[in-house]
N, C-alpha and C. Protein backbone atom coordinates (compact mmCIF):
# COMPACT_ATOMS: atom_id res chain seq x y z
N MET A 1 -19.74 -17.41 -25.26
CA MET A 1 -19.21 -18.71 -25.61
C MET A 1 -20.31 -19.51 -26.31
N ILE A 2 -20.01 -20.11 -27.43
CA ILE A 2 -20.94 -20.95 -28.16
C ILE A 2 -20.62 -22.40 -27.82
N VAL A 3 -21.65 -23.12 -27.42
CA VAL A 3 -21.48 -24.53 -27.07
C VAL A 3 -22.44 -25.34 -27.92
N THR A 4 -21.92 -26.24 -28.72
CA THR A 4 -22.77 -27.11 -29.51
C THR A 4 -23.31 -28.21 -28.61
N PRO A 5 -24.40 -28.86 -28.99
CA PRO A 5 -25.02 -29.85 -28.10
C PRO A 5 -24.10 -30.95 -27.60
N HIS A 6 -23.17 -31.41 -28.41
CA HIS A 6 -22.29 -32.50 -27.98
C HIS A 6 -20.90 -32.00 -27.60
N ALA A 7 -20.79 -30.75 -27.32
CA ALA A 7 -19.49 -30.16 -27.02
C ALA A 7 -18.95 -30.66 -25.67
N PRO A 8 -17.66 -30.90 -25.62
CA PRO A 8 -17.03 -31.20 -24.33
C PRO A 8 -16.94 -29.90 -23.53
N VAL A 9 -17.36 -29.94 -22.27
CA VAL A 9 -17.34 -28.75 -21.43
C VAL A 9 -16.82 -29.08 -20.05
N THR A 10 -16.25 -28.07 -19.40
CA THR A 10 -15.86 -28.21 -18.00
C THR A 10 -17.08 -27.91 -17.14
N ALA A 11 -16.98 -28.17 -15.85
CA ALA A 11 -18.09 -27.88 -14.93
C ALA A 11 -18.42 -26.38 -14.96
N ARG A 12 -17.42 -25.54 -15.05
CA ARG A 12 -17.65 -24.10 -15.10
C ARG A 12 -18.42 -23.70 -16.35
N GLN A 13 -17.99 -24.22 -17.50
CA GLN A 13 -18.66 -23.90 -18.76
C GLN A 13 -20.10 -24.41 -18.77
N ALA A 14 -20.30 -25.64 -18.31
CA ALA A 14 -21.65 -26.20 -18.26
C ALA A 14 -22.52 -25.41 -17.30
N GLY A 15 -21.96 -25.02 -16.17
CA GLY A 15 -22.70 -24.23 -15.19
C GLY A 15 -23.15 -22.89 -15.76
N GLU A 16 -22.27 -22.23 -16.50
CA GLU A 16 -22.64 -20.96 -17.14
C GLU A 16 -23.78 -21.17 -18.13
N ARG A 17 -23.67 -22.20 -18.91
CA ARG A 17 -24.67 -22.49 -19.95
C ARG A 17 -26.03 -22.89 -19.36
N LEU A 18 -26.01 -23.67 -18.27
CA LEU A 18 -27.24 -24.18 -17.68
C LEU A 18 -27.76 -23.33 -16.52
N GLY A 19 -27.02 -22.30 -16.14
CA GLY A 19 -27.45 -21.46 -15.03
C GLY A 19 -27.31 -22.13 -13.67
N ARG A 20 -26.30 -22.98 -13.55
CA ARG A 20 -26.04 -23.72 -12.31
C ARG A 20 -24.62 -23.45 -11.85
N GLU A 21 -24.36 -23.70 -10.59
CA GLU A 21 -23.02 -23.57 -10.05
C GLU A 21 -22.16 -24.75 -10.52
N PRO A 22 -20.86 -24.52 -10.73
CA PRO A 22 -19.98 -25.63 -11.11
C PRO A 22 -20.03 -26.80 -10.11
N ALA A 23 -20.18 -26.50 -8.84
CA ALA A 23 -20.27 -27.57 -7.83
C ALA A 23 -21.50 -28.45 -8.07
N THR A 24 -22.59 -27.85 -8.52
CA THR A 24 -23.79 -28.63 -8.83
C THR A 24 -23.52 -29.55 -10.00
N ILE A 25 -22.84 -29.05 -11.02
CA ILE A 25 -22.50 -29.88 -12.18
C ILE A 25 -21.64 -31.06 -11.76
N ARG A 26 -20.66 -30.81 -10.90
CA ARG A 26 -19.80 -31.89 -10.42
C ARG A 26 -20.59 -32.91 -9.60
N LYS A 27 -21.56 -32.46 -8.80
CA LYS A 27 -22.41 -33.37 -8.04
C LYS A 27 -23.24 -34.24 -8.97
N TRP A 28 -23.84 -33.61 -9.99
CA TRP A 28 -24.60 -34.37 -10.98
C TRP A 28 -23.71 -35.42 -11.64
N ALA A 29 -22.50 -35.00 -12.01
CA ALA A 29 -21.58 -35.91 -12.70
C ALA A 29 -21.31 -37.14 -11.86
N GLN A 30 -21.14 -36.95 -10.58
CA GLN A 30 -20.88 -38.08 -9.70
C GLN A 30 -22.16 -38.89 -9.47
N ARG A 31 -23.25 -38.22 -9.15
CA ARG A 31 -24.51 -38.91 -8.82
C ARG A 31 -25.09 -39.68 -9.99
N TYR A 32 -25.05 -39.06 -11.19
CA TYR A 32 -25.70 -39.66 -12.37
C TYR A 32 -24.73 -40.28 -13.36
N LYS A 33 -23.47 -40.36 -12.99
CA LYS A 33 -22.44 -40.98 -13.83
C LYS A 33 -22.44 -40.38 -15.25
N VAL A 34 -22.27 -39.07 -15.29
CA VAL A 34 -22.25 -38.32 -16.55
C VAL A 34 -21.07 -38.78 -17.40
N ARG A 35 -21.30 -38.85 -18.69
CA ARG A 35 -20.24 -39.23 -19.65
C ARG A 35 -19.14 -38.16 -19.60
N THR A 36 -17.90 -38.63 -19.52
CA THR A 36 -16.76 -37.71 -19.52
C THR A 36 -15.87 -37.99 -20.73
N PHE A 37 -15.11 -36.96 -21.08
CA PHE A 37 -14.19 -37.06 -22.22
C PHE A 37 -12.73 -36.98 -21.78
N GLY A 38 -12.48 -37.07 -20.48
CA GLY A 38 -11.11 -36.98 -19.99
C GLY A 38 -10.91 -35.73 -19.17
N ARG A 39 -9.71 -35.17 -19.28
CA ARG A 39 -9.36 -33.99 -18.48
C ARG A 39 -8.72 -32.93 -19.36
N ALA A 40 -8.92 -31.69 -18.94
CA ALA A 40 -8.22 -30.55 -19.55
C ALA A 40 -7.46 -29.90 -18.40
N GLY A 41 -6.20 -30.25 -18.29
CA GLY A 41 -5.44 -29.79 -17.14
C GLY A 41 -5.97 -30.46 -15.89
N ARG A 42 -6.43 -29.66 -14.94
CA ARG A 42 -6.96 -30.20 -13.68
C ARG A 42 -8.46 -30.43 -13.73
N GLU A 43 -9.11 -29.97 -14.78
CA GLU A 43 -10.57 -30.04 -14.84
C GLU A 43 -11.06 -31.24 -15.65
N VAL A 44 -12.13 -31.86 -15.17
CA VAL A 44 -12.77 -32.95 -15.90
C VAL A 44 -13.59 -32.34 -17.03
N VAL A 45 -13.60 -33.00 -18.17
CA VAL A 45 -14.37 -32.53 -19.32
C VAL A 45 -15.58 -33.46 -19.49
N TYR A 46 -16.78 -32.85 -19.47
CA TYR A 46 -18.04 -33.59 -19.51
C TYR A 46 -18.72 -33.46 -20.86
N ASP A 47 -19.65 -34.37 -21.13
CA ASP A 47 -20.50 -34.32 -22.31
C ASP A 47 -21.65 -33.36 -22.02
N TYR A 48 -21.67 -32.21 -22.70
CA TYR A 48 -22.70 -31.22 -22.45
C TYR A 48 -24.10 -31.77 -22.71
N ALA A 49 -24.27 -32.57 -23.76
CA ALA A 49 -25.59 -33.11 -24.08
C ALA A 49 -26.12 -33.96 -22.94
N ASP A 50 -25.27 -34.73 -22.29
CA ASP A 50 -25.67 -35.56 -21.17
C ASP A 50 -26.12 -34.68 -20.00
N LEU A 51 -25.37 -33.65 -19.71
CA LEU A 51 -25.74 -32.72 -18.64
C LEU A 51 -27.04 -31.99 -18.95
N ALA A 52 -27.24 -31.63 -20.21
CA ALA A 52 -28.45 -30.90 -20.60
C ALA A 52 -29.70 -31.76 -20.41
N VAL A 53 -29.60 -33.06 -20.66
CA VAL A 53 -30.74 -33.96 -20.44
C VAL A 53 -31.05 -34.04 -18.95
N ILE A 54 -30.03 -34.12 -18.12
CA ILE A 54 -30.24 -34.15 -16.67
C ILE A 54 -30.93 -32.86 -16.23
N GLU A 55 -30.46 -31.73 -16.70
CA GLU A 55 -31.08 -30.44 -16.36
C GLU A 55 -32.55 -30.44 -16.77
N TRP A 56 -32.85 -30.90 -17.98
CA TRP A 56 -34.24 -30.92 -18.45
C TRP A 56 -35.10 -31.82 -17.57
N CYS A 57 -34.60 -33.01 -17.21
CA CYS A 57 -35.36 -33.93 -16.36
C CYS A 57 -35.67 -33.30 -15.00
N ILE A 58 -34.68 -32.66 -14.41
CA ILE A 58 -34.88 -32.01 -13.11
C ILE A 58 -35.89 -30.87 -13.25
N TRP A 59 -35.72 -30.03 -14.26
CA TRP A 59 -36.58 -28.88 -14.47
C TRP A 59 -38.02 -29.30 -14.74
N ASP A 60 -38.21 -30.37 -15.51
CA ASP A 60 -39.55 -30.79 -15.92
C ASP A 60 -40.14 -31.87 -15.01
N GLY A 61 -39.41 -32.27 -13.97
CA GLY A 61 -39.94 -33.21 -12.99
C GLY A 61 -39.95 -34.66 -13.44
N HIS A 62 -39.08 -35.01 -14.37
CA HIS A 62 -38.99 -36.39 -14.85
C HIS A 62 -37.90 -37.15 -14.10
N GLU A 63 -38.05 -38.46 -14.05
CA GLU A 63 -37.00 -39.29 -13.48
C GLU A 63 -35.78 -39.21 -14.39
N ILE A 64 -34.62 -39.16 -13.81
CA ILE A 64 -33.38 -39.07 -14.60
C ILE A 64 -32.94 -40.47 -14.98
N PRO A 65 -32.80 -40.73 -16.28
CA PRO A 65 -32.32 -42.06 -16.70
C PRO A 65 -30.98 -42.39 -16.05
N ALA A 66 -30.80 -43.66 -15.75
CA ALA A 66 -29.65 -44.11 -14.96
C ALA A 66 -28.31 -44.06 -15.69
N THR A 67 -28.32 -44.19 -17.01
CA THR A 67 -27.05 -44.26 -17.73
C THR A 67 -26.99 -43.21 -18.84
N PRO A 68 -25.78 -42.86 -19.27
CA PRO A 68 -25.67 -41.93 -20.40
C PRO A 68 -26.36 -42.46 -21.65
N GLU A 69 -26.33 -43.77 -21.85
CA GLU A 69 -26.97 -44.35 -23.03
C GLU A 69 -28.49 -44.17 -22.99
N GLU A 70 -29.07 -44.35 -21.81
CA GLU A 70 -30.52 -44.12 -21.66
C GLU A 70 -30.86 -42.64 -21.86
N ARG A 71 -29.97 -41.77 -21.41
CA ARG A 71 -30.21 -40.33 -21.62
C ARG A 71 -30.07 -39.98 -23.10
N ASP A 72 -29.18 -40.66 -23.82
CA ASP A 72 -29.08 -40.47 -25.27
C ASP A 72 -30.40 -40.84 -25.94
N GLU A 73 -30.98 -41.97 -25.52
CA GLU A 73 -32.26 -42.41 -26.08
C GLU A 73 -33.36 -41.40 -25.80
N LEU A 74 -33.40 -40.86 -24.58
CA LEU A 74 -34.40 -39.85 -24.23
C LEU A 74 -34.22 -38.60 -25.08
N ARG A 75 -32.97 -38.16 -25.24
CA ARG A 75 -32.70 -36.96 -26.04
C ARG A 75 -33.15 -37.18 -27.48
N THR A 76 -32.88 -38.35 -28.04
CA THR A 76 -33.30 -38.66 -29.40
C THR A 76 -34.82 -38.68 -29.52
N ALA A 77 -35.48 -39.29 -28.53
CA ALA A 77 -36.94 -39.35 -28.54
C ALA A 77 -37.54 -37.94 -28.46
N ARG A 78 -36.98 -37.10 -27.62
CA ARG A 78 -37.48 -35.72 -27.49
C ARG A 78 -37.29 -34.96 -28.78
N ARG A 79 -36.14 -35.14 -29.41
CA ARG A 79 -35.83 -34.44 -30.67
C ARG A 79 -36.80 -34.90 -31.77
N THR A 80 -37.05 -36.20 -31.85
CA THR A 80 -37.95 -36.76 -32.85
C THR A 80 -39.37 -36.26 -32.63
N ALA A 81 -39.80 -36.18 -31.37
CA ALA A 81 -41.15 -35.73 -31.05
C ALA A 81 -41.37 -34.26 -31.37
N SER A 82 -40.31 -33.46 -31.32
CA SER A 82 -40.46 -32.03 -31.57
C SER A 82 -40.39 -31.66 -33.04
N VAL A 83 -40.06 -32.63 -33.89
CA VAL A 83 -39.95 -32.34 -35.33
C VAL A 83 -41.27 -32.42 -36.01
């Protein structure tokens, strides 16, 4: 499965991509108020880019920004710094 950075994903899809259990993705979504795009049937659809920033913060030992907008700013700053 190919997932673009801003792709809408379910907890299962994000878990496969990030190497985490779907339950972990759902916990992150609740704890960190992950941006959602609605529902696909019974499943919530999340912003993959938002989840990926949370994963990076956890993996690298950084504090997780409180809002999706702050995580967008962090993602932009990281992208700019790597260019």
